Amino acid sequence: MSTMRTLFRLILVALMLTGTACPAPAQDPGKIVDQYVKAAGGSKALGKIRTLTLEGVFTNGEGKAGTYTFDTKLPNRYYSELLVGDKNLIEAYNGKSAWHQNAAGELGTLVGPEGMQLEAAAQYYNTHLVNPKKSKMAVTFVGHAQVRGKDALQLEVSAVTGMKRQVFFDPQTHLIAKEAATVGEVEEEILFDDYRTVDGVKLPYKIELHRGSEKYDISVTRAVVNGTVGERVFDFPKKSQVQLPDLKALFKEIDENQKVTDKIRENYAGSQSEEETELEGDGRVKKRELHEYTFFYLNGHVVTTLVKKDGKELSAEDQKKENEKARKRVEELQKREAKKEAKEEKARQEGKEEDKDEPGIEVFLRVCQFVNPRRERFRGQDVLVFDFEPNPDFKPHKLVEKIVQKLAGVVWVDEKAHQVARLEAYFVGDAKIGGGLLANLQKGTSFVFEQAFVNNEVWLPTYGEAHIGVRFLLVKGIRASIVTRYWDYKKFNVETLSTIAKPKGAEVPPSDPTKPM
C-alpha cells in the first residue's frame, strides 16, 4: 500500500464518520473570550495584526542573563528564542514543520506531540483569540483557578489536532494572566504582567516562563506590531540545510520501488487498531470507538477483518459475518484485478499507454514546491527531510492534484531504501469534494503516516494519525481524530493452501484471514 494510497485512505475513513448531537456545555466561554478581545484592543485592532515581535532580556534560575526573541506571522508562523551566551534555545514552526535547537546546538525536526504542540501554538498566537471557531479552535470553560494568589477564569483551547492549551484570564482586567501547555514531556507555564498599549493592542512587558525545571524572568524592551518579519526567521538555519537531490529521479525511484514492495507485502499479515474519537464543536468528546483488525495485502490493497470492538472479542456469529465480509472483499479485488489486467492488455495491443489508476508520490513533484532540505536521524536511520508547500503556479486538473495542492507539510525519506519513512501533511485551505456539495475537508485537517523496515525485507506501515474537520452536504459538520497502529507482522507459510480462491501468480493468506501464520 503506497504512501499516497494510505493518505487517501485516511481521508476516506474521515468522510465515513458519523455522530449524533449532544447538549451544549452548561457554561459558555464565549463571553470570557469576548471580554478579553475587547480589553486587549478590540477585534478590529487584533484582527489587523500580521506580525508581532517581542524582544527583551532575562535572567534564568541560575542568575545568568540572556536575550529573548518572540516572533509570529500570519497565517501560522511562530519563533521563540532564548539566548544565553553562545547557547540558543529555539522552538519554531515555519508553516510546514516544527523544529528546535537545544542547548548543545543540535537542530532537529519535531514529530509527535512536540511538533503538534508547536503547530497549535503557532495557530493560537496568530489568532489572538479573535473568532476561535473560524480558526477551528474549540474553547471550553474549565473553572476557577489561582494565579499568583488571585482568582482567575480557566479556559481550555483545543486545536484540530487535539493539542490543548490552558489559558487563565484575570476577571478584573479580562487580560490573560497565565498559559500552560505540555510540550512533549515538558510542562510549560507562562505568566504575563505589566500590560502596555502598543498600536492600540495590549501587550505584556513582563513574562515569567517556566519550562520544566527551568525558570526565565523576561523583561520586554521592544514590542512591534506589523513590523517586517521575513520568512527566513522561521525556517531552519541555512547552515543546517543541504542541497536537494534530483527529486524527479528520487520520486521515480520511490514509485518504482513501491511496486516491488507491494508484491512482497502480499506475503505478510498483521494486526491493526483504529481509535476513532468524534468531538463536539467545543472540543468535548462526543464518541470514542476502538476497533481491532487482522489484515493482509492483496493486489496492492488491504483486506481487513474486525476481531475486537472496544477491547472485546466478537461473538462467534459476528466473527463469522466479518470473515464472510473479508472473503467477499477478496473476490471483489480479484475481479477488479482481472478487469485491470484485461484493460492494460487491450491498451498494449492497441499501442496505447494505460493511465495509472492510483496516484503516486510523483504527484507532489508536479503540484508542490520543496524547501528547507536537511539531513537528520529518524528512528535510528539517516534520512533526508524537506518541507513542501503548494506551488502557486501549478494549475490542477485532476481531483488528486486539486487535493494535493491544498497540502503543506514535511517528508522524511530514506534515500538508500527509496522509501518514505514519515509524511506529515495538513490542508492550508478547504478541500472541496464534488464542488463542496458532497463534502468539504476543512482547513487545518491533518494527516501523519509512518512506516518501517520489517524482517530485513520489506517496508510496512507502523502508524497513522488523522485530525479531521469535515462538513457533509453543506450542512452536517464533524470534528474527529483517528489513530491507527500496526503490529504483529507475520510472514505467510508459502506452503499453506487457502480455501479462498487464489489470484493468478499471487500468494494468499490462510483460509481464516483473522489468523495469519
Protein backbone atom coordinates (compact mmCIF):
# COMPACT_ATOMS: atom_id res chain seq x y z
CA MET A 1 0.00 0.00 0.00
CA SER A 2 1.69 3.19 -1.20
CA THR A 3 2.15 6.31 0.90
CA MET A 4 -0.32 8.20 -1.29
CA ARG A 5 -2.87 5.38 -1.09
CA THR A 6 -2.57 5.37 2.70
CA LEU A 7 -3.07 9.15 2.81
CA PHE A 8 -6.21 8.95 0.71
CA ARG A 9 -7.50 6.00 2.71
CA LEU A 10 -7.28 8.17 5.84
CA ILE A 11 -9.29 10.82 4.01
CA LEU A 12 -11.94 8.27 3.02
CA VAL A 13 -12.20 6.97 6.58
CA ALA A 14 -12.68 10.55 7.73
CA LEU A 15 -15.54 11.02 5.30
CA MET A 16 -17.38 7.97 6.64
CA LEU A 17 -17.54 9.17 10.26
CA THR A 18 -20.99 9.98 11.63
CA GLY A 19 -22.36 11.02 15.02
CA THR A 20 -25.25 12.48 16.96
CA ALA A 21 -25.57 15.80 18.70
CA CYS A 22 -25.16 16.26 22.46
CA PRO A 23 -26.30 19.09 24.72
CA ALA A 24 -24.22 22.26 24.89
CA PRO A 25 -21.95 22.78 27.91
CA ALA A 26 -23.54 24.38 30.95
CA GLN A 27 -21.17 27.39 30.83
CA ASP A 28 -20.41 29.20 27.60
CA PRO A 29 -16.83 30.55 27.50
CA GLY A 30 -17.65 32.91 24.65
CA LYS A 31 -18.29 35.83 26.99
CA ILE A 32 -14.87 35.43 28.65
CA VAL A 33 -13.16 35.43 25.25
CA ASP A 34 -15.18 38.43 24.07
CA GLN A 35 -14.22 40.36 27.22
CA TYR A 36 -10.56 39.55 26.62
CA VAL A 37 -10.69 40.64 22.97
CA LYS A 38 -12.30 43.94 23.94
CA ALA A 39 -9.79 44.54 26.77
CA ALA A 40 -6.80 43.64 24.54
CA GLY A 41 -7.72 46.27 21.97
CA GLY A 42 -10.84 45.05 20.20
CA SER A 43 -11.38 42.64 17.34
CA LYS A 44 -10.61 45.29 14.73
CA ALA A 45 -7.15 46.12 16.14
CA LEU A 46 -6.29 42.49 16.91
CA GLY A 47 -7.53 41.37 13.51
CA LYS A 48 -5.10 43.75 11.79
CA ILE A 49 -2.05 42.13 13.37
CA ARG A 50 0.01 40.49 10.63
CA THR A 51 3.27 40.20 12.53
CA LEU A 52 4.17 40.59 16.18
CA THR A 53 7.64 40.89 17.71
CA LEU A 54 8.63 40.92 21.37
CA GLU A 55 12.29 41.37 22.29
CA GLY A 56 13.82 41.60 25.73
CA VAL A 57 16.30 40.38 28.31
CA PHE A 58 16.01 37.77 31.04
CA THR A 59 17.72 36.11 33.96
CA ASN A 60 17.36 32.38 34.49
CA GLY A 61 17.17 30.40 37.72
CA GLU A 62 20.97 30.37 37.96
CA GLY A 63 21.16 34.16 37.73
CA LYS A 64 22.61 34.13 34.20
CA ALA A 65 21.48 36.87 31.81
CA GLY A 66 20.33 36.38 28.24
CA THR A 67 18.18 37.77 25.45
CA TYR A 68 14.65 36.83 24.44
CA THR A 69 13.01 36.97 20.99
CA PHE A 70 9.43 36.09 20.10
CA ASP A 71 8.02 36.43 16.58
CA THR A 72 4.71 35.48 14.99
CA LYS A 73 3.49 35.97 11.44
CA LEU A 74 0.23 35.14 9.71
CA PRO A 75 -1.08 32.67 8.93
CA ASN A 76 0.80 30.23 11.22
CA ARG A 77 4.45 31.16 11.77
CA TYR A 78 5.98 31.01 15.25
CA TYR A 79 9.51 31.58 16.63
CA SER A 80 10.73 31.65 20.26
CA GLU A 81 14.40 32.07 21.18
CA LEU A 82 16.27 32.20 24.48
CA LEU A 83 19.97 33.05 24.08
CA VAL A 84 22.39 32.56 26.99
CA GLY A 85 25.98 33.19 25.97
CA ASP A 86 26.54 31.08 22.86
CA LYS A 87 23.66 28.72 23.64
CA ASN A 88 20.42 29.17 21.72
CA LEU A 89 17.22 27.51 22.82
CA ILE A 90 14.87 27.79 19.85
CA GLU A 91 11.37 26.50 19.14
CA ALA A 92 9.79 27.31 15.78
CA TYR A 93 7.06 26.40 13.35
CA ASN A 94 7.52 27.54 9.75
CA GLY A 95 4.06 26.70 8.45
CA LYS A 96 5.11 23.23 7.30
CA SER A 97 7.23 21.67 10.02
CA ALA A 98 8.14 22.24 13.67
CA TRP A 99 11.79 22.32 14.72
CA HIS A 100 14.00 23.18 17.66
CA GLN A 101 17.57 23.79 18.68
CA ASN A 102 18.74 22.63 22.10
CA ALA A 103 21.46 23.98 24.40
CA ALA A 104 24.04 21.72 22.73
CA GLY A 105 23.32 23.39 19.39
CA GLU A 106 21.63 20.33 17.94
CA LEU A 107 18.90 21.03 15.39
CA GLY A 108 16.04 18.67 14.69
CA THR A 109 12.56 18.37 13.24
CA LEU A 110 9.96 17.75 15.94
CA VAL A 111 7.45 14.95 15.50
CA GLY A 112 4.53 13.62 17.53
CA PRO A 113 3.06 15.71 20.36
CA GLU A 114 6.04 18.09 20.45
CA GLY A 115 5.61 19.02 16.82
CA MET A 116 1.82 19.24 17.05
CA GLN A 117 2.02 21.45 20.14
CA LEU A 118 4.25 23.97 18.35
CA GLU A 119 1.90 23.89 15.36
CA ALA A 120 -1.01 24.55 17.72
CA ALA A 121 0.93 27.36 19.42
CA ALA A 122 1.54 28.98 16.03
CA GLN A 123 -2.17 28.90 15.30
CA TYR A 124 -3.15 30.14 18.77
CA TYR A 125 -0.76 33.10 18.88
CA ASN A 126 -1.66 34.26 15.37
CA THR A 127 -5.42 34.29 16.01
CA HIS A 128 -5.23 36.37 19.23
CA LEU A 129 -8.47 34.53 20.13
CA VAL A 130 -10.44 36.57 17.60
CA ASN A 131 -13.21 34.26 16.36
CA PRO A 132 -11.74 30.92 17.57
CA LYS A 133 -14.49 28.96 15.81
CA LYS A 134 -13.44 30.30 12.41
CA SER A 135 -9.87 29.23 13.20
CA LYS A 136 -11.11 25.70 14.03
CA MET A 137 -10.18 26.12 17.70
CA ALA A 138 -12.52 24.82 20.40
CA VAL A 139 -12.77 26.77 23.66
CA THR A 140 -14.29 25.28 26.83
CA PHE A 141 -14.71 26.61 30.34
CA VAL A 142 -12.72 24.63 32.95
CA GLY A 143 -13.46 26.58 36.13
CA HIS A 144 -11.90 28.95 38.64
CA ALA A 145 -8.19 28.77 39.45
CA GLN A 146 -5.50 30.63 41.36
CA VAL A 147 -2.77 32.60 39.58
CA ARG A 148 -0.27 34.30 41.87
CA GLY A 149 -2.77 34.04 44.71
CA LYS A 150 -5.57 35.70 42.75
CA ASP A 151 -8.74 34.29 41.26
CA ALA A 152 -8.63 33.53 37.55
CA LEU A 153 -11.02 32.04 34.99
CA GLN A 154 -9.57 28.98 33.27
CA LEU A 155 -10.41 28.09 29.67
CA GLU A 156 -9.09 25.20 27.60
CA VAL A 157 -8.23 25.92 23.96
CA SER A 158 -8.08 22.86 21.69
CA ALA A 159 -6.63 22.71 18.18
CA VAL A 160 -7.89 20.42 15.42
CA THR A 161 -5.02 18.04 16.23
CA GLY A 162 -6.31 17.67 19.79
CA MET A 163 -3.46 19.67 21.33
CA LYS A 164 -4.69 21.64 24.34
CA ARG A 165 -3.58 24.87 26.00
CA GLN A 166 -4.86 26.15 29.34
CA VAL A 167 -5.50 29.90 29.36
CA PHE A 168 -6.20 31.81 32.59
CA PHE A 169 -7.94 35.21 32.49
CA ASP A 170 -7.88 37.94 35.13
CA PRO A 171 -11.58 38.57 35.95
CA GLN A 172 -10.80 42.23 36.73
CA THR A 173 -8.74 43.27 33.68
CA HIS A 174 -10.03 40.44 31.44
CA LEU A 175 -6.46 40.03 30.11
CA ILE A 176 -4.52 36.76 30.04
CA ALA A 177 -2.68 36.15 33.30
CA LYS A 178 -1.22 32.74 32.52
CA GLU A 179 -0.95 30.00 29.90
CA ALA A 180 0.02 26.36 30.39
CA ALA A 181 0.73 23.55 27.93
CA THR A 182 2.63 20.29 27.71
CA VAL A 183 5.31 20.26 25.01
CA GLY A 184 6.33 16.64 24.58
CA GLU A 185 7.01 15.54 28.14
CA VAL A 186 7.88 19.04 29.36
CA GLU A 187 5.36 21.13 31.28
CA GLU A 188 5.44 24.78 30.27
CA GLU A 189 3.83 27.72 32.08
CA ILE A 190 3.91 31.36 31.04
CA LEU A 191 2.75 34.17 33.34
CA PHE A 192 2.06 37.66 31.96
CA ASP A 193 2.09 41.05 33.65
CA ASP A 194 2.66 44.78 33.09
CA TYR A 195 0.47 45.13 30.01
CA ARG A 196 1.07 48.23 27.90
CA THR A 197 -0.63 49.57 24.79
CA VAL A 198 1.30 49.28 21.51
CA ASP A 199 -0.51 50.47 18.35
CA GLY A 200 -3.86 50.02 20.07
CA VAL A 201 -3.08 46.50 21.34
CA LYS A 202 -2.34 45.47 24.93
CA LEU A 203 0.94 43.51 25.17
CA PRO A 204 2.76 42.11 28.26
CA TYR A 205 6.09 43.65 29.19
CA LYS A 206 6.86 41.16 31.96
CA ILE A 207 6.85 37.44 31.23
CA GLU A 208 7.72 34.62 33.61
CA LEU A 209 8.47 31.45 31.68
CA HIS A 210 8.67 28.04 33.37
CA ARG A 211 9.90 25.24 31.13
CA GLY A 212 10.33 22.01 33.05
CA SER A 213 12.66 22.83 35.94
CA GLU A 214 13.98 25.97 34.25
CA LYS A 215 12.68 29.47 35.01
CA TYR A 216 13.21 32.65 32.96
CA ASP A 217 12.21 36.14 34.18
CA ILE A 218 11.79 38.16 30.98
CA SER A 219 11.57 41.94 30.66
CA VAL A 220 10.34 43.06 27.25
CA THR A 221 12.33 46.03 25.93
CA ARG A 222 10.82 46.26 22.44
CA ALA A 223 7.37 45.36 21.13
CA VAL A 224 6.42 45.86 17.48
CA VAL A 225 3.10 45.27 15.76
CA ASN A 226 3.21 44.71 11.98
CA GLY A 227 6.94 45.22 11.66
CA THR A 228 8.96 43.47 8.96
CA VAL A 229 9.47 39.79 9.80
CA GLY A 230 10.88 37.73 6.92
CA GLU A 231 10.05 34.09 6.23
CA ARG A 232 13.68 33.15 6.86
CA VAL A 233 13.15 33.87 10.56
CA PHE A 234 11.03 30.74 10.88
CA ASP A 235 12.99 28.38 8.63
CA PHE A 236 15.84 26.06 9.53
CA PRO A 237 19.16 27.95 9.77
CA LYS A 238 20.85 28.00 6.35
CA LYS A 239 23.98 26.38 7.73
CA SER A 240 21.98 23.26 8.61
CA GLN A 241 20.45 22.87 5.15
CA VAL A 242 21.76 20.67 2.35
CA GLN A 243 21.36 20.53 -1.41
CA LEU A 244 18.24 18.69 -2.54
CA PRO A 245 18.93 15.74 -4.83
CA ASP A 246 17.24 15.34 -8.20
CA LEU A 247 13.68 15.00 -6.89
CA LYS A 248 12.32 13.79 -10.21
CA ALA A 249 14.75 10.88 -10.18
CA LEU A 250 14.23 10.25 -6.44
CA PHE A 251 10.43 10.19 -6.70
CA LYS A 252 10.63 7.92 -9.75
CA GLU A 253 12.80 5.51 -7.77
CA ILE A 254 10.37 5.63 -4.83
CA ASP A 255 7.38 4.86 -7.09
CA GLU A 256 9.19 2.02 -8.87
CA ASN A 257 10.38 0.58 -5.57
CA GLN A 258 6.80 0.73 -4.28
CA LYS A 259 5.72 -1.73 -6.97
CA VAL A 260 8.30 -4.24 -5.72
CA THR A 261 7.33 -3.53 -2.12
CA ASP A 262 3.62 -4.07 -2.85
CA LYS A 263 4.43 -7.52 -4.23
CA ILE A 264 6.49 -8.55 -1.18
CA ARG A 265 3.79 -7.25 1.16
CA GLU A 266 1.41 -9.88 -0.22
CA ASN A 267 3.37 -12.41 1.87
CA TYR A 268 2.61 -10.56 5.11
CA ALA A 269 -0.30 -10.16 7.50
CA GLY A 270 -0.60 -8.25 10.74
CA SER A 271 -2.79 -6.64 13.36
CA GLN A 272 -4.19 -3.15 13.29
CA SER A 273 -6.16 -0.93 15.67
CA GLU A 274 -8.18 2.17 14.84
CA GLU A 275 -9.21 4.54 17.61
CA GLU A 276 -11.84 6.99 16.39
CA THR A 277 -12.71 9.98 18.56
CA GLU A 278 -15.50 12.27 17.47
CA LEU A 279 -15.60 15.70 19.07
CA GLU A 280 -18.24 18.32 19.74
CA GLY A 281 -17.69 21.78 18.32
CA ASP A 282 -16.36 22.92 21.70
CA GLY A 283 -13.79 20.09 21.82
CA ARG A 284 -15.67 17.76 24.18
CA VAL A 285 -15.60 14.08 23.28
CA LYS A 286 -18.90 13.00 21.72
CA LYS A 287 -18.00 9.41 20.90
CA ARG A 288 -14.93 7.18 21.09
CA GLU A 289 -14.62 3.75 19.47
CA LEU A 290 -11.74 1.29 19.31
CA HIS A 291 -11.67 -1.38 16.63
CA GLU A 292 -9.02 -4.08 16.20
CA TYR A 293 -8.46 -5.97 12.98
CA THR A 294 -6.24 -8.56 11.39
CA PHE A 295 -5.26 -7.77 7.82
CA PHE A 296 -3.30 -8.90 4.80
CA TYR A 297 -2.40 -7.43 1.42
CA LEU A 298 -3.88 -8.37 -1.93
CA ASN A 299 -3.15 -6.69 -5.27
CA GLY A 300 -1.80 -3.61 -3.50
CA HIS A 301 -4.85 -3.27 -1.27
CA VAL A 302 -5.54 -4.14 2.36
CA VAL A 303 -8.12 -6.74 3.37
CA THR A 304 -9.15 -6.26 7.00
CA THR A 305 -11.19 -8.44 9.33
CA LEU A 306 -12.69 -7.00 12.51
CA VAL A 307 -11.81 -9.14 15.57
CA LYS A 308 -12.40 -6.81 18.53
CA LYS A 309 -14.61 -3.84 19.31
CA ASP A 310 -13.86 -1.61 22.29
CA GLY A 311 -11.48 -4.25 23.66
CA LYS A 312 -13.97 -7.14 23.46
CA GLU A 313 -13.71 -10.08 21.09
CA LEU A 314 -16.62 -10.58 18.71
CA SER A 315 -19.14 -13.34 19.26
CA ALA A 316 -18.77 -16.46 17.13
CA GLU A 317 -21.71 -15.38 14.97
CA ASP A 318 -20.39 -11.84 14.46
CA GLN A 319 -16.90 -13.16 13.71
CA LYS A 320 -18.35 -15.45 11.06
CA LYS A 321 -20.02 -12.44 9.44
CA GLU A 322 -16.76 -10.48 9.46
CA ASN A 323 -14.88 -13.41 7.91
CA GLU A 324 -17.51 -13.56 5.19
CA LYS A 325 -17.03 -9.83 4.51
CA ALA A 326 -13.30 -10.43 4.13
CA ARG A 327 -13.93 -13.31 1.71
CA LYS A 328 -16.22 -11.13 -0.42
CA ARG A 329 -13.62 -8.36 -0.36
CA VAL A 330 -11.03 -10.81 -1.72
CA GLU A 331 -13.38 -11.82 -4.54
CA GLU A 332 -14.06 -8.17 -5.34
CA LEU A 333 -10.33 -7.36 -5.53
CA GLN A 334 -9.68 -10.41 -7.70
CA LYS A 335 -12.38 -9.37 -10.17
CA ARG A 336 -11.08 -5.80 -10.17
CA GLU A 337 -7.55 -7.01 -10.84
CA ALA A 338 -8.73 -9.21 -13.69
CA LYS A 339 -10.53 -6.26 -15.31
CA LYS A 340 -7.46 -4.09 -14.83
CA GLU A 341 -5.17 -6.65 -16.46
CA ALA A 342 -7.57 -7.06 -19.38
CA LYS A 343 -7.74 -3.30 -19.85
CA GLU A 344 -3.96 -2.98 -19.73
CA GLU A 345 -3.54 -5.85 -22.22
CA LYS A 346 -6.02 -4.22 -24.62
CA ALA A 347 -4.14 -0.91 -24.32
CA ARG A 348 -0.85 -2.66 -25.10
CA GLN A 349 -2.34 -4.37 -28.16
CA GLU A 350 -3.64 -1.03 -29.42
CA GLY A 351 -0.29 0.61 -28.74
CA LYS A 352 -1.69 2.91 -26.09
CA GLU A 353 -0.33 3.74 -22.66
CA GLU A 354 -2.82 2.93 -19.92
CA ASP A 355 -3.41 5.71 -17.35
CA LYS A 356 -2.46 4.89 -13.78
CA ASP A 357 -5.49 4.25 -11.61
CA GLU A 358 -3.63 5.04 -8.38
CA PRO A 359 -1.89 8.33 -7.58
CA GLY A 360 1.79 8.03 -6.77
CA ILE A 361 4.13 10.26 -4.82
CA GLU A 362 5.21 11.84 -8.11
CA VAL A 363 2.04 13.96 -7.98
CA PHE A 364 3.74 16.01 -5.26
CA LEU A 365 6.53 16.81 -7.73
CA ARG A 366 4.04 18.42 -10.12
CA VAL A 367 1.87 20.20 -7.58
CA CYS A 368 4.25 21.29 -4.78
CA GLN A 369 7.48 23.14 -4.23
CA PHE A 370 10.14 21.95 -1.77
CA VAL A 371 12.15 23.95 0.77
CA ASN A 372 14.36 23.58 3.85
CA PRO A 373 16.17 20.34 2.92
CA ARG A 374 18.24 18.84 5.76
CA ARG A 375 19.72 15.52 6.85
CA GLU A 376 18.69 14.05 10.19
CA ARG A 377 18.42 10.82 12.17
CA PHE A 378 14.94 9.34 12.39
CA ARG A 379 14.11 6.10 14.20
CA GLY A 380 17.82 5.22 14.06
CA GLN A 381 18.16 5.81 10.31
CA ASP A 382 19.82 8.56 8.26
CA VAL A 383 17.11 10.38 6.32
CA LEU A 384 16.62 13.34 4.03
CA VAL A 385 13.95 15.72 5.35
CA PHE A 386 12.32 18.54 3.42
CA ASP A 387 9.21 20.69 3.66
CA PHE A 388 6.66 21.04 0.89
CA GLU A 389 4.02 23.65 0.14
CA PRO A 390 1.59 24.37 -2.72
CA ASN A 391 3.09 25.59 -5.97
CA PRO A 392 1.02 28.71 -6.78
CA ASP A 393 1.95 28.48 -10.49
CA PHE A 394 0.56 24.96 -10.98
CA LYS A 395 -2.97 24.68 -12.41
CA PRO A 396 -4.59 21.45 -11.14
CA HIS A 397 -6.99 19.46 -13.33
CA LYS A 398 -7.47 16.07 -11.69
CA LEU A 399 -9.11 15.64 -8.28
CA VAL A 400 -5.90 14.25 -6.76
CA GLU A 401 -3.98 17.33 -7.97
CA LYS A 402 -6.59 19.66 -6.51
CA ILE A 403 -6.35 17.90 -3.15
CA VAL A 404 -2.54 17.77 -3.04
CA GLN A 405 -2.32 21.46 -3.98
CA LYS A 406 -4.15 22.23 -0.73
CA LEU A 407 -1.46 20.44 1.31
CA ALA A 408 1.67 21.60 3.10
CA GLY A 409 3.91 19.56 5.34
CA VAL A 410 7.15 17.67 5.72
CA VAL A 411 8.57 14.38 4.38
CA TRP A 412 11.25 12.06 5.79
CA VAL A 413 12.88 9.99 3.00
CA ASP A 414 15.30 7.08 3.36
CA GLU A 415 17.31 7.68 0.19
CA LYS A 416 19.13 4.35 0.26
CA ALA A 417 15.91 2.37 0.64
CA HIS A 418 13.95 4.67 -1.71
CA GLN A 419 11.11 4.82 0.79
CA VAL A 420 9.11 7.50 2.62
CA ALA A 421 9.69 6.86 6.34
CA ARG A 422 7.25 9.52 7.52
CA LEU A 423 4.87 12.03 5.98
CA GLU A 424 3.06 14.89 7.71
CA ALA A 425 0.56 16.99 5.81
CA TYR A 426 -2.21 19.45 6.57
CA PHE A 427 -4.73 21.37 4.47
CA VAL A 428 -3.83 25.04 4.03
CA GLY A 429 -7.34 25.64 2.67
CA ASP A 430 -10.66 23.84 2.37
CA ALA A 431 -10.62 20.82 0.01
CA LYS A 432 -13.98 20.51 -1.69
CA ILE A 433 -15.23 17.15 -2.93
CA GLY A 434 -17.98 17.33 -5.52
CA GLY A 435 -17.59 21.09 -5.55
CA GLY A 436 -18.27 21.09 -1.82
CA LEU A 437 -21.74 19.63 -2.31
CA LEU A 438 -20.69 16.14 -1.15
CA ALA A 439 -18.06 17.04 1.42
CA ASN A 440 -15.66 19.76 2.42
CA LEU A 441 -12.45 18.78 4.22
CA GLN A 442 -11.73 21.90 6.19
CA LYS A 443 -8.57 23.94 6.53
CA GLY A 444 -6.34 22.57 9.28
CA THR A 445 -7.28 18.92 8.70
CA SER A 446 -4.02 16.98 9.06
CA PHE A 447 -2.56 13.54 8.47
CA VAL A 448 0.52 11.62 9.63
CA PHE A 449 1.86 8.36 8.18
CA GLU A 450 4.88 6.26 9.22
CA GLN A 451 6.37 3.01 8.01
CA ALA A 452 9.44 0.94 8.93
CA PHE A 453 11.69 -1.80 7.54
CA VAL A 454 10.36 -5.15 8.80
CA ASN A 455 12.07 -8.55 8.86
CA ASN A 456 15.03 -7.09 6.90
CA GLU A 457 12.85 -7.49 3.82
CA VAL A 458 10.00 -5.04 3.37
CA TRP A 459 8.69 -1.62 4.41
CA LEU A 460 5.34 -1.82 6.20
CA PRO A 461 3.12 0.82 7.87
CA THR A 462 3.52 1.27 11.62
CA TYR A 463 1.43 4.33 12.47
CA GLY A 464 -1.20 6.67 11.05
CA GLU A 465 -2.96 9.67 12.51
CA ALA A 466 -5.66 11.96 11.16
CA HIS A 467 -7.30 15.04 12.67
CA ILE A 468 -10.32 15.97 10.62
CA GLY A 469 -12.77 18.77 10.24
CA VAL A 470 -15.33 17.89 7.56
CA ARG A 471 -18.71 19.16 6.51
CA PHE A 472 -21.16 16.96 4.59
CA LEU A 473 -23.77 18.18 2.08
CA LEU A 474 -23.18 21.79 3.20
CA VAL A 475 -24.94 21.01 6.50
CA LYS A 476 -23.53 18.35 8.83
CA GLY A 477 -20.13 19.14 10.35
CA ILE A 478 -17.83 16.67 12.12
CA ARG A 479 -14.56 17.04 14.03
CA ALA A 480 -12.74 13.80 14.69
CA SER A 481 -9.38 12.15 15.30
CA ILE A 482 -8.31 8.73 14.05
CA VAL A 483 -5.18 6.99 15.34
CA THR A 484 -4.13 3.78 13.57
CA ARG A 485 -1.44 1.43 14.87
CA TYR A 486 0.01 -1.64 13.14
CA TRP A 487 1.84 -4.53 14.82
CA ASP A 488 2.49 -8.28 14.94
CA TYR A 489 3.55 -8.63 11.32
CA LYS A 490 3.94 -12.27 10.28
CA LYS A 491 5.03 -13.84 7.06
CA PHE A 492 2.78 -16.43 5.50
CA ASN A 493 3.95 -20.00 5.22
CA VAL A 494 4.11 -20.26 1.43
CA GLU A 495 3.15 -23.96 1.58
CA THR A 496 -0.17 -23.13 3.26
CA LEU A 497 -3.14 -23.63 0.99
CA SER A 498 -6.18 -21.42 1.15
CA THR A 499 -9.85 -22.13 0.67
CA ILE A 500 -10.12 -18.60 -0.71
CA ALA A 501 -9.75 -18.53 -4.50
CA LYS A 502 -6.14 -17.72 -5.33
CA PRO A 503 -5.47 -14.91 -7.84
CA LYS A 504 -3.13 -15.83 -10.62
CA GLY A 505 0.52 -15.50 -9.66
CA ALA A 506 -0.13 -14.34 -6.08
CA GLU A 507 0.49 -15.86 -2.66
CA VAL A 508 -2.60 -15.79 -0.45
CA PRO A 509 -3.26 -15.96 3.29
CA PRO A 510 -4.52 -18.95 5.22
CA SER A 511 -8.22 -19.84 4.97
CA ASP A 512 -9.05 -17.82 8.07
CA PRO A 513 -7.80 -14.27 7.36
CA THR A 514 -8.15 -13.38 11.03
CA LYS A 515 -5.36 -15.82 11.98
CA PRO A 516 -2.18 -15.24 9.96
CA MET A 517 0.58 -17.81 10.26
